[in-house]
Amino acid sequence: MTGQTGRRTQAERTSASDKAMLDAGVRLIASQGSARTTLVQIGRESGFSGGLVSDRFGSKNGFLLAVAQHILDQWAERMRRPATAHGDGLDYLERHTSLYLKAVLSQSDLLIAQYRLMNESYSGQEELRPFFQKFDKQVRNAVVEGLTEGVEAGDVDASIDLDAFSAIFVGMLRGLAVQHFINRRAFDSTATQATIAQICQRFLSPV
């Protein structure tokens, strides 16, 4: 909103319509995959035309790249550590696990679309791969950062290879997501989250 009239600027209207199209893309990709999703469908789902989607993003591949970035930006915001967080990195792992499993159990469009595009990044849509490589690095670095603070505070064993642990931790959560997508009754979420916390505590705590 700008001024006293409450009217949006052209830039604000463009940003809002871009977001509507990207959000529509997330929903469609989550429900039917990117191969079956067309620019016409995206326009219809978002309340615009396929021509406008093409004008904004250039092509379907251009749109998929934008959707991938849109998904990763939203995840980065959701998983960002609170400014007040400090010290024990185990708190970060617990929060990360809780948020991630909540998205898994709710069958989040954002998460399902991410997995569909992630799979496609190494099975046909190779131009998507740099986005997910960058995102993976950001996620693992965040885990390492949190645990490094734990090491400095004396809460995490300084002998642990934090890079290796971060890869294992992220892989564990993604493996659970795949199991749940295949079978919603694959595991008990409460027991699983508690067990992950125990694994992290026992492995990372100083002897």
Foldseek 3Di string as FASTA:
>chain_A
DDDPVPDDDPVVVVVVLLVLLLVLVLQVCLVPNLVPDALQSSQVSSVHGSVVVCVVQVHSLSSVLVSLLVLLVVVCVVLPDDPPDFAALLVSLLSVLVVLVVCLLVSPSSVSSNVRVCVCCPVPSVVNVVSVVVSLVVQLVVSLVSVVRNVVNLFWAPVDPSSVVSVVSVVVSVVVSVQCVVPVVSDDSVVVSVVVSVVCNVHTGHD
